[in-house]
Amino acid sequence: GGYFLLVQDQYSELEQVVSEEESLKQSYESRAYKVANLEAFRVQMDDMKQSFGALLKQLPAKTEVPGLLEDITNTGLGSGLDIQSIQLKPEVSKEFYVELPMEIQVSGTYHDISSFVSGVASLPRIVTLHDLTIASASAKGNNRIEQGRGKLSMTVQARTYRYGTEADRESTKNSKKKRRRK
């Protein structure tokens, strides 16, 4: 009877203390690792801040969009393309950034188009190309001169990005709330 009254409760308490000891050991080891590598983590954090700052510099501000359009136009002309149009589309706000889409329509030879795509990829600002459509220029028109030279027509959506401001994030949250209500 003494076992059940005195000892059995102490065994269950011992099991609890042993399991708590294991979790405390794991917590201690984790914290000891972090403390031992604190300086390395600080250096790594500084490196990430610098690379993040460098990436932010590649994102255009609103005022730099005309310069970016000029760079894209010069890249197209330098590649030997005929630029039919560059149309800016409405901005699309995301959680941390804002997309600035534009639709570009050009025509030229296959090599001119590939040179243009390569040139856009090497711009100092981040520009991505989406929804690329290439067709024979004869499909767009019956110009026999273009047919004879193997001209192609390309329509592409280019997107550049800028870092979202607090106002951009608020407008994104408000538009999401409106969509949920509908």
N, C-alpha and C. Protein backbone atom coordinates (compact mmCIF):
# COMPACT_ATOMS: atom_id res chain seq x y z
N GLY A 1 0.81 -1.19 0.00
CA GLY A 1 0.00 0.00 0.00
C GLY A 1 0.86 1.26 0.00
N GLY A 2 2.02 1.19 0.71
CA GLY A 2 2.89 2.35 0.77
C GLY A 2 3.44 2.71 -0.60
N TYR A 3 3.67 1.68 -1.44
CA TYR A 3 4.15 1.93 -2.80
C TYR A 3 3.14 2.78 -3.55
N PHE A 4 1.87 2.39 -3.50
CA PHE A 4 0.86 3.11 -4.25
C PHE A 4 0.63 4.52 -3.71
N LEU A 5 0.79 4.71 -2.40
CA LEU A 5 0.55 6.02 -1.82
C LEU A 5 1.75 6.95 -1.96
N LEU A 6 2.94 6.45 -1.79
CA LEU A 6 4.11 7.31 -1.75
C LEU A 6 4.99 7.23 -3.00
N VAL A 7 5.30 6.04 -3.45
CA VAL A 7 6.30 5.86 -4.49
C VAL A 7 5.75 6.04 -5.90
N GLN A 8 4.55 5.58 -6.19
CA GLN A 8 4.00 5.64 -7.55
C GLN A 8 3.90 7.07 -8.05
N ASP A 9 3.47 8.00 -7.23
CA ASP A 9 3.39 9.41 -7.65
C ASP A 9 4.77 9.99 -7.93
N GLN A 10 5.76 9.55 -7.16
CA GLN A 10 7.12 10.04 -7.37
C GLN A 10 7.69 9.53 -8.70
N TYR A 11 7.34 8.31 -9.12
CA TYR A 11 7.78 7.78 -10.42
C TYR A 11 7.20 8.61 -11.57
N SER A 12 5.93 8.94 -11.49
CA SER A 12 5.33 9.75 -12.57
C SER A 12 5.94 11.15 -12.58
N GLU A 13 6.23 11.69 -11.41
CA GLU A 13 6.88 13.00 -11.34
C GLU A 13 8.29 12.92 -11.91
N LEU A 14 8.99 11.82 -11.65
CA LEU A 14 10.32 11.61 -12.19
C LEU A 14 10.29 11.56 -13.72
N GLU A 15 9.31 10.88 -14.30
CA GLU A 15 9.18 10.81 -15.76
C GLU A 15 8.97 12.20 -16.35
N GLN A 16 8.17 13.02 -15.70
CA GLN A 16 7.92 14.38 -16.18
C GLN A 16 9.21 15.21 -16.13
N VAL A 17 9.93 15.08 -15.04
CA VAL A 17 11.17 15.84 -14.87
C VAL A 17 12.21 15.39 -15.89
N VAL A 18 12.29 14.09 -16.18
CA VAL A 18 13.24 13.58 -17.16
C VAL A 18 12.91 14.11 -18.55
N SER A 19 11.63 14.11 -18.93
CA SER A 19 11.25 14.64 -20.24
C SER A 19 11.49 16.14 -20.32
N GLU A 20 11.26 16.85 -19.23
CA GLU A 20 11.53 18.29 -19.21
C GLU A 20 13.03 18.55 -19.33
N GLU A 21 13.84 17.67 -18.69
CA GLU A 21 15.29 17.80 -18.76
C GLU A 21 15.76 17.67 -20.21
N GLU A 22 15.19 16.73 -20.97
CA GLU A 22 15.56 16.54 -22.37
C GLU A 22 15.24 17.79 -23.20
N SER A 23 14.06 18.35 -23.02
CA SER A 23 13.70 19.54 -23.79
C SER A 23 14.58 20.72 -23.40
N LEU A 24 14.93 20.84 -22.11
CA LEU A 24 15.81 21.92 -21.68
C LEU A 24 17.23 21.74 -22.24
N LYS A 25 17.70 20.49 -22.34
CA LYS A 25 19.01 20.23 -22.94
C LYS A 25 19.03 20.64 -24.40
N GLN A 26 17.96 20.30 -25.14
CA GLN A 26 17.88 20.67 -26.56
C GLN A 26 17.84 22.19 -26.71
N SER A 27 17.08 22.84 -25.85
CA SER A 27 17.00 24.30 -25.88
C SER A 27 18.37 24.91 -25.59
N TYR A 28 19.06 24.36 -24.60
CA TYR A 28 20.40 24.85 -24.24
C TYR A 28 21.37 24.68 -25.40
N GLU A 29 21.35 23.51 -26.04
CA GLU A 29 22.26 23.26 -27.15
C GLU A 29 21.98 24.21 -28.30
N SER A 30 20.72 24.46 -28.57
CA SER A 30 20.35 25.38 -29.65
C SER A 30 20.83 26.78 -29.34
N ARG A 31 20.61 27.23 -28.14
CA ARG A 31 21.04 28.57 -27.76
C ARG A 31 22.56 28.68 -27.70
N ALA A 32 23.23 27.63 -27.22
CA ALA A 32 24.69 27.65 -27.17
C ALA A 32 25.26 27.74 -28.58
N TYR A 33 24.66 27.04 -29.54
CA TYR A 33 25.10 27.11 -30.94
C TYR A 33 24.94 28.54 -31.47
N LYS A 34 23.79 29.14 -31.18
CA LYS A 34 23.56 30.51 -31.66
C LYS A 34 24.54 31.49 -31.05
N VAL A 35 24.80 31.35 -29.76
CA VAL A 35 25.74 32.25 -29.10
C VAL A 35 27.15 32.05 -29.65
N ALA A 36 27.54 30.81 -29.86
CA ALA A 36 28.88 30.53 -30.37
C ALA A 36 29.06 31.10 -31.77
N ASN A 37 28.00 31.15 -32.56
CA ASN A 37 28.08 31.63 -33.95
C ASN A 37 27.48 33.02 -34.13
N LEU A 38 27.31 33.75 -33.04
CA LEU A 38 26.68 35.07 -33.11
C LEU A 38 27.42 36.02 -34.04
N GLU A 39 28.73 36.05 -33.95
CA GLU A 39 29.50 36.95 -34.80
C GLU A 39 29.37 36.58 -36.27
N ALA A 40 29.38 35.29 -36.56
CA ALA A 40 29.21 34.84 -37.94
C ALA A 40 27.82 35.21 -38.46
N PHE A 41 26.81 35.09 -37.60
CA PHE A 41 25.45 35.48 -38.00
C PHE A 41 25.36 36.97 -38.26
N ARG A 42 26.05 37.77 -37.46
CA ARG A 42 26.04 39.23 -37.68
C ARG A 42 26.70 39.59 -39.01
N VAL A 43 27.82 38.94 -39.31
CA VAL A 43 28.50 39.18 -40.58
C VAL A 43 27.60 38.77 -41.74
N GLN A 44 26.94 37.62 -41.59
CA GLN A 44 26.04 37.15 -42.63
C GLN A 44 24.86 38.13 -42.81
N MET A 45 24.35 38.66 -41.71
CA MET A 45 23.24 39.62 -41.78
C MET A 45 23.68 40.90 -42.48
N ASP A 46 24.90 41.38 -42.18
CA ASP A 46 25.42 42.57 -42.86
C ASP A 46 25.57 42.33 -44.35
N ASP A 47 26.07 41.14 -44.72
CA ASP A 47 26.20 40.80 -46.14
C ASP A 47 24.84 40.79 -46.83
N MET A 48 23.84 40.22 -46.16
CA MET A 48 22.50 40.17 -46.75
C MET A 48 21.92 41.57 -46.89
N LYS A 49 22.17 42.44 -45.92
CA LYS A 49 21.67 43.82 -46.02
C LYS A 49 22.31 44.53 -47.21
N GLN A 50 23.62 44.31 -47.41
CA GLN A 50 24.31 44.94 -48.54
C GLN A 50 23.78 44.43 -49.87
N SER A 51 23.60 43.11 -49.99
CA SER A 51 23.10 42.57 -51.25
C SER A 51 21.65 42.97 -51.47
N PHE A 52 20.86 43.09 -50.39
CA PHE A 52 19.49 43.55 -50.52
C PHE A 52 19.46 44.99 -51.00
N GLY A 53 20.36 45.81 -50.45
CA GLY A 53 20.44 47.20 -50.90
C GLY A 53 20.84 47.30 -52.36
N ALA A 54 21.77 46.43 -52.78
CA ALA A 54 22.18 46.44 -54.19
C ALA A 54 21.03 46.02 -55.09
N LEU A 55 20.24 45.04 -54.65
CA LEU A 55 19.08 44.62 -55.45
C LEU A 55 18.03 45.71 -55.50
N LEU A 56 17.84 46.42 -54.38
CA LEU A 56 16.86 47.51 -54.38
C LEU A 56 17.26 48.61 -55.36
N LYS A 57 18.57 48.82 -55.52
CA LYS A 57 19.02 49.84 -56.47
C LYS A 57 18.69 49.45 -57.90
N GLN A 58 18.52 48.15 -58.16
CA GLN A 58 18.18 47.70 -59.50
C GLN A 58 16.69 47.90 -59.80
N LEU A 59 15.91 48.17 -58.77
CA LEU A 59 14.48 48.40 -58.98
C LEU A 59 14.26 49.88 -59.23
N PRO A 60 13.58 50.23 -60.30
CA PRO A 60 13.40 51.65 -60.61
C PRO A 60 12.39 52.30 -59.68
N ALA A 61 12.60 53.57 -59.43
CA ALA A 61 11.61 54.37 -58.73
C ALA A 61 10.62 54.86 -59.78
N LYS A 62 9.51 55.39 -59.35
CA LYS A 62 8.49 55.86 -60.31
C LYS A 62 9.09 56.85 -61.30
N THR A 63 9.96 57.70 -60.81
CA THR A 63 10.51 58.74 -61.68
C THR A 63 11.48 58.19 -62.71
N GLU A 64 11.96 56.96 -62.54
CA GLU A 64 12.94 56.40 -63.46
C GLU A 64 12.31 55.59 -64.59
N VAL A 65 11.00 55.46 -64.62
CA VAL A 65 10.35 54.66 -65.66
C VAL A 65 10.59 55.24 -67.05
N PRO A 66 10.51 56.55 -67.26
CA PRO A 66 10.82 57.06 -68.61
C PRO A 66 12.22 56.70 -69.08
N GLY A 67 13.19 56.73 -68.18
CA GLY A 67 14.55 56.33 -68.54
C GLY A 67 14.62 54.86 -68.90
N LEU A 68 13.86 54.05 -68.19
CA LEU A 68 13.82 52.62 -68.49
C LEU A 68 13.18 52.38 -69.86
N LEU A 69 12.11 53.11 -70.17
CA LEU A 69 11.48 52.99 -71.49
C LEU A 69 12.46 53.41 -72.59
N GLU A 70 13.23 54.44 -72.31
CA GLU A 70 14.24 54.88 -73.27
C GLU A 70 15.31 53.80 -73.47
N ASP A 71 15.73 53.16 -72.37
CA ASP A 71 16.72 52.08 -72.47
C ASP A 71 16.18 50.92 -73.31
N ILE A 72 14.90 50.56 -73.09
CA ILE A 72 14.30 49.47 -73.86
C ILE A 72 14.20 49.85 -75.33
N THR A 73 13.80 51.09 -75.60
CA THR A 73 13.70 51.57 -76.98
C THR A 73 15.07 51.56 -77.65
N ASN A 74 16.09 52.05 -76.95
CA ASN A 74 17.44 52.06 -77.53
C ASN A 74 17.96 50.65 -77.76
N THR A 75 17.62 49.73 -76.86
CA THR A 75 18.02 48.34 -77.04
C THR A 75 17.37 47.76 -78.29
N GLY A 76 16.09 48.05 -78.48
CA GLY A 76 15.38 47.57 -79.67
C GLY A 76 15.94 48.15 -80.95
N LEU A 77 16.17 49.44 -80.95
CA LEU A 77 16.72 50.09 -82.15
C LEU A 77 18.14 49.62 -82.41
N GLY A 78 18.93 49.44 -81.35
CA GLY A 78 20.30 48.95 -81.49
C GLY A 78 20.35 47.53 -82.01
N SER A 79 19.30 46.77 -81.76
CA SER A 79 19.23 45.39 -82.25
C SER A 79 18.72 45.32 -83.68
N GLY A 80 18.32 46.45 -84.23
CA GLY A 80 17.83 46.48 -85.61
C GLY A 80 16.35 46.20 -85.73
N LEU A 81 15.59 46.34 -84.66
CA LEU A 81 14.15 46.08 -84.70
C LEU A 81 13.37 47.34 -85.07
N ASP A 82 12.21 47.12 -85.65
CA ASP A 82 11.24 48.19 -85.84
C ASP A 82 10.28 48.10 -84.67
N ILE A 83 10.18 49.16 -83.89
CA ILE A 83 9.31 49.15 -82.71
C ILE A 83 7.96 49.73 -83.12
N GLN A 84 6.92 48.86 -83.04
CA GLN A 84 5.58 49.32 -83.36
C GLN A 84 4.97 50.09 -82.19
N SER A 85 5.09 49.53 -80.98
CA SER A 85 4.52 50.23 -79.82
C SER A 85 5.09 49.69 -78.52
N ILE A 86 5.08 50.57 -77.53
CA ILE A 86 5.37 50.20 -76.14
C ILE A 86 4.27 50.85 -75.32
N GLN A 87 3.41 50.01 -74.75
CA GLN A 87 2.27 50.52 -74.00
C GLN A 87 2.43 50.18 -72.51
N LEU A 88 2.36 51.20 -71.69
CA LEU A 88 2.39 50.97 -70.25
C LEU A 88 1.02 50.47 -69.79
N LYS A 89 1.02 49.47 -68.95
CA LYS A 89 -0.20 48.91 -68.38
C LYS A 89 -0.32 49.39 -66.94
N PRO A 90 -1.50 49.26 -66.33
CA PRO A 90 -1.66 49.68 -64.93
C PRO A 90 -0.74 48.89 -63.99
N GLU A 91 -0.27 49.56 -62.95
CA GLU A 91 0.59 48.91 -61.97
C GLU A 91 -0.17 47.83 -61.22
N VAL A 92 0.55 46.79 -60.83
CA VAL A 92 -0.03 45.69 -60.05
C VAL A 92 0.71 45.64 -58.72
N SER A 93 0.02 45.95 -57.63
CA SER A 93 0.65 45.94 -56.31
C SER A 93 0.65 44.54 -55.74
N LYS A 94 1.81 44.11 -55.29
CA LYS A 94 1.97 42.83 -54.60
C LYS A 94 2.30 43.16 -53.15
N GLU A 95 2.61 42.12 -52.38
CA GLU A 95 2.83 42.36 -50.94
C GLU A 95 4.02 43.26 -50.66
N PHE A 96 5.17 43.01 -51.31
CA PHE A 96 6.37 43.79 -51.03
C PHE A 96 6.86 44.61 -52.20
N TYR A 97 6.27 44.44 -53.35
CA TYR A 97 6.74 45.14 -54.53
C TYR A 97 5.57 45.51 -55.43
N VAL A 98 5.85 46.32 -56.42
CA VAL A 98 4.85 46.74 -57.39
C VAL A 98 5.37 46.37 -58.77
N GLU A 99 4.54 45.67 -59.55
CA GLU A 99 4.90 45.33 -60.94
C GLU A 99 4.49 46.48 -61.84
N LEU A 100 5.35 46.80 -62.77
CA LEU A 100 5.06 47.81 -63.79
C LEU A 100 5.07 47.11 -65.15
N PRO A 101 3.92 46.58 -65.59
CA PRO A 101 3.90 45.86 -66.87
C PRO A 101 3.82 46.80 -68.07
N MET A 102 4.38 46.35 -69.16
CA MET A 102 4.28 47.09 -70.42
C MET A 102 4.25 46.09 -71.56
N GLU A 103 3.47 46.39 -72.57
CA GLU A 103 3.38 45.51 -73.72
C GLU A 103 4.21 46.11 -74.84
N ILE A 104 5.08 45.28 -75.40
CA ILE A 104 6.00 45.74 -76.44
C ILE A 104 5.71 44.96 -77.72
N GLN A 105 5.57 45.68 -78.82
CA GLN A 105 5.38 45.05 -80.13
C GLN A 105 6.50 45.52 -81.04
N VAL A 106 7.25 44.55 -81.58
CA VAL A 106 8.38 44.85 -82.45
C VAL A 106 8.36 43.91 -83.64
N SER A 107 9.15 44.26 -84.67
CA SER A 107 9.31 43.35 -85.80
C SER A 107 10.76 43.42 -86.26
N GLY A 108 11.22 42.30 -86.76
CA GLY A 108 12.59 42.20 -87.24
C GLY A 108 12.93 40.75 -87.51
N THR A 109 14.18 40.50 -87.80
CA THR A 109 14.60 39.13 -88.07
C THR A 109 14.73 38.37 -86.76
N TYR A 110 14.88 37.06 -86.90
CA TYR A 110 15.03 36.21 -85.72
C TYR A 110 16.23 36.65 -84.88
N HIS A 111 17.34 36.94 -85.53
CA HIS A 111 18.55 37.33 -84.82
C HIS A 111 18.39 38.70 -84.15
N ASP A 112 17.65 39.60 -84.81
CA ASP A 112 17.38 40.91 -84.20
C ASP A 112 16.56 40.74 -82.92
N ILE A 113 15.55 39.88 -82.98
CA ILE A 113 14.69 39.66 -81.82
C ILE A 113 15.49 39.02 -80.68
N SER A 114 16.33 38.04 -81.02
CA SER A 114 17.12 37.39 -79.96
C SER A 114 18.13 38.36 -79.37
N SER A 115 18.69 39.23 -80.18
CA SER A 115 19.60 40.25 -79.69
C SER A 115 18.87 41.22 -78.76
N PHE A 116 17.64 41.57 -79.10
CA PHE A 116 16.83 42.46 -78.26
C PHE A 116 16.54 41.81 -76.91
N VAL A 117 16.14 40.55 -76.92
CA VAL A 117 15.84 39.84 -75.66
C VAL A 117 17.09 39.77 -74.79
N SER A 118 18.22 39.50 -75.40
CA SER A 118 19.48 39.45 -74.66
C SER A 118 19.84 40.83 -74.11
N GLY A 119 19.62 41.85 -74.90
CA GLY A 119 19.91 43.22 -74.46
C GLY A 119 19.03 43.65 -73.30
N VAL A 120 17.75 43.28 -73.34
CA VAL A 120 16.84 43.62 -72.23
C VAL A 120 17.29 42.89 -70.97
N ALA A 121 17.74 41.65 -71.11
CA ALA A 121 18.20 40.89 -69.95
C ALA A 121 19.44 41.51 -69.32
N SER A 122 20.24 42.21 -70.12
CA SER A 122 21.47 42.78 -69.59
C SER A 122 21.32 44.24 -69.15
N LEU A 123 20.10 44.77 -69.16
CA LEU A 123 19.88 46.13 -68.68
C LEU A 123 20.24 46.21 -67.20
N PRO A 124 20.67 47.38 -66.73
CA PRO A 124 21.03 47.50 -65.30
C PRO A 124 19.82 47.39 -64.38
N ARG A 125 18.63 47.56 -64.88
CA ARG A 125 17.41 47.41 -64.09
C ARG A 125 16.81 46.04 -64.34
N ILE A 126 16.09 45.53 -63.36
CA ILE A 126 15.46 44.23 -63.49
C ILE A 126 14.24 44.35 -64.40
N VAL A 127 14.27 43.64 -65.51
CA VAL A 127 13.15 43.58 -66.45
C VAL A 127 12.97 42.12 -66.83
N THR A 128 11.75 41.60 -66.65
CA THR A 128 11.47 40.23 -67.05
C THR A 128 10.51 40.25 -68.22
N LEU A 129 10.64 39.25 -69.09
CA LEU A 129 9.78 39.15 -70.28
C LEU A 129 8.83 37.98 -70.11
N HIS A 130 7.55 38.21 -70.40
CA HIS A 130 6.52 37.19 -70.23
C HIS A 130 5.63 37.14 -71.47
N ASP A 131 4.95 36.03 -71.65
CA ASP A 131 3.94 35.86 -72.70
C ASP A 131 4.46 36.30 -74.07
N LEU A 132 5.57 35.73 -74.45
CA LEU A 132 6.21 36.03 -75.72
C LEU A 132 5.43 35.38 -76.86
N THR A 133 5.07 36.17 -77.86
CA THR A 133 4.39 35.65 -79.03
C THR A 133 5.16 36.11 -80.27
N ILE A 134 5.64 35.14 -81.04
CA ILE A 134 6.37 35.46 -82.27
C ILE A 134 5.60 34.87 -83.44
N ALA A 135 5.37 35.69 -84.44
CA ALA A 135 4.66 35.25 -85.63
C ALA A 135 5.36 35.81 -86.85
N SER A 136 5.10 35.21 -87.98
CA SER A 136 5.64 35.72 -89.23
C SER A 136 5.04 37.09 -89.49
N ALA A 137 5.84 38.00 -89.98
CA ALA A 137 5.34 39.34 -90.27
C ALA A 137 4.27 39.29 -91.33
N SER A 138 4.30 38.25 -92.18
CA SER A 138 3.27 38.13 -93.22
C SER A 138 1.91 37.83 -92.59
N ALA A 139 1.89 37.26 -91.39
CA ALA A 139 0.62 37.00 -90.72
C ALA A 139 -0.01 38.31 -90.27
N LYS A 140 0.82 39.32 -90.02
CA LYS A 140 0.31 40.63 -89.58
C LYS A 140 -0.11 41.48 -90.78
N GLY A 141 0.54 41.30 -91.90
CA GLY A 141 0.23 42.11 -93.06
C GLY A 141 0.72 41.42 -94.32
N ASN A 142 0.33 41.91 -95.46
CA ASN A 142 0.72 41.27 -96.72
C ASN A 142 1.84 42.04 -97.40
N ASN A 143 2.73 42.58 -96.65
CA ASN A 143 3.84 43.34 -97.21
C ASN A 143 4.86 42.37 -97.80
N ARG A 144 5.00 42.36 -99.11
CA ARG A 144 5.88 41.40 -99.78
C ARG A 144 7.36 41.68 -99.46
N ILE A 145 7.69 42.91 -99.17
CA ILE A 145 9.09 43.22 -98.83
C ILE A 145 9.45 42.52 -97.53
N GLU A 146 8.55 42.60 -96.53
CA GLU A 146 8.81 41.95 -95.24
C GLU A 146 8.84 40.44 -95.41
N GLN A 147 7.98 39.89 -96.25
CA GLN A 147 7.95 38.44 -96.44
C GLN A 147 9.28 37.95 -97.00
N GLY A 148 9.85 38.71 -97.90
CA GLY A 148 11.08 38.29 -98.55
C GLY A 148 12.28 38.29 -97.62
N ARG A 149 12.28 39.10 -96.61
CA ARG A 149 13.43 39.20 -95.71
C ARG A 149 13.30 38.31 -94.48
N GLY A 150 12.25 37.55 -94.35
CA GLY A 150 12.08 36.67 -93.20
C GLY A 150 11.81 37.42 -91.92
N LYS A 151 11.05 38.49 -92.01
CA LYS A 151 10.76 39.28 -90.82
C LYS A 151 9.74 38.59 -89.95
N LEU A 152 9.93 38.77 -88.65
CA LEU A 152 9.02 38.24 -87.65
C LEU A 152 8.43 39.38 -86.85
N SER A 153 7.29 39.13 -86.29
CA SER A 153 6.64 40.10 -85.43
C SER A 153 6.57 39.50 -84.02
N MET A 154 6.96 40.26 -83.02
CA MET A 154 6.94 39.76 -81.65
C MET A 154 6.13 40.69 -80.76
N THR A 155 5.29 40.08 -79.95
CA THR A 155 4.57 40.79 -78.90
C THR A 155 5.00 40.16 -77.58
N VAL A 156 5.41 40.99 -76.65
CA VAL A 156 5.90 40.49 -75.37
C VAL A 156 5.44 41.42 -74.25
N GLN A 157 5.18 40.83 -73.11
CA GLN A 157 4.88 41.65 -71.94
C GLN A 157 6.14 41.73 -71.09
N ALA A 158 6.65 42.93 -70.96
CA ALA A 158 7.83 43.16 -70.11
C ALA A 158 7.34 43.69 -68.77
N ARG A 159 7.97 43.22 -67.72
CA ARG A 159 7.62 43.69 -66.38
C ARG A 159 8.88 44.13 -65.67
N THR A 160 8.79 45.30 -65.10
CA THR A 160 9.84 45.76 -64.21
C THR A 160 9.20 45.94 -62.85
N TYR A 161 10.01 46.09 -61.86
CA TYR A 161 9.50 46.08 -60.50
C TYR A 161 10.09 47.25 -59.72
N ARG A 162 9.35 47.69 -58.75
CA ARG A 162 9.87 48.66 -57.81
C ARG A 162 9.45 48.24 -56.42
N TYR A 163 10.23 48.67 -55.46
CA TYR A 163 9.95 48.30 -54.08
C TYR A 163 8.67 49.01 -53.65
N GLY A 164 7.76 48.27 -53.05
CA GLY A 164 6.48 48.84 -52.63
C GLY A 164 6.63 49.73 -51.41
N THR A 165 6.02 50.90 -51.47
CA THR A 165 6.01 51.81 -50.33
C THR A 165 4.88 51.40 -49.39
N GLU A 166 4.83 52.05 -48.26
CA GLU A 166 3.77 51.74 -47.28
C GLU A 166 2.39 52.03 -47.89
N ALA A 167 2.28 53.09 -48.67
CA ALA A 167 1.00 53.41 -49.32
C ALA A 167 0.60 52.32 -50.31
N ASP A 168 1.56 51.76 -51.03
CA ASP A 168 1.28 50.67 -51.96
C ASP A 168 0.77 49.44 -51.22
N ARG A 169 1.39 49.14 -50.06
CA ARG A 169 0.96 47.98 -49.28
C ARG A 169 -0.45 48.17 -48.73
N GLU A 170 -0.77 49.40 -48.31
CA GLU A 170 -2.11 49.68 -47.81
C GLU A 170 -3.15 49.53 -48.92
N SER A 171 -2.83 50.00 -50.12
CA SER A 171 -3.79 49.86 -51.22
C SER A 171 -3.98 48.40 -51.60
N THR A 172 -2.91 47.59 -51.49
CA THR A 172 -3.03 46.15 -51.74
C THR A 172 -3.93 45.49 -50.72
N LYS A 173 -3.75 45.84 -49.45
CA LYS A 173 -4.60 45.27 -48.39
C LYS A 173 -6.06 45.67 -48.60
N ASN A 174 -6.30 46.93 -48.95
CA ASN A 174 -7.66 47.39 -49.16
C ASN A 174 -8.32 46.70 -50.35
N SER A 175 -7.56 46.50 -51.43
CA SER A 175 -8.15 45.83 -52.60
C SER A 175 -8.44 44.37 -52.30
N LYS A 176 -7.61 43.71 -51.48
CA LYS A 176 -7.89 42.32 -51.09
C LYS A 176 -9.14 42.24 -50.24
N LYS A 177 -9.32 43.20 -49.34
CA LYS A 177 -10.52 43.22 -48.50
C LYS A 177 -11.77 43.41 -49.36
N LYS A 178 -11.69 44.28 -50.37
CA LYS A 178 -12.84 44.51 -51.26
C LYS A 178 -13.18 43.27 -52.03
N ARG A 179 -12.16 42.51 -52.49
CA ARG A 179 -12.42 41.27 -53.24
C ARG A 179 -13.07 40.24 -52.35
N ARG A 180 -12.68 40.17 -51.09
CA ARG A 180 -13.28 39.19 -50.18
C ARG A 180 -14.74 39.50 -49.91
N ARG A 181 -15.07 40.77 -49.86
CA ARG A 181 -16.46 41.17 -49.58
C ARG A 181 -17.40 40.81 -50.72
N LYS A 182 -16.86 40.77 -51.93
CA LYS A 182 -17.71 40.50 -53.10
C LYS A 182 -18.12 39.10 -53.15
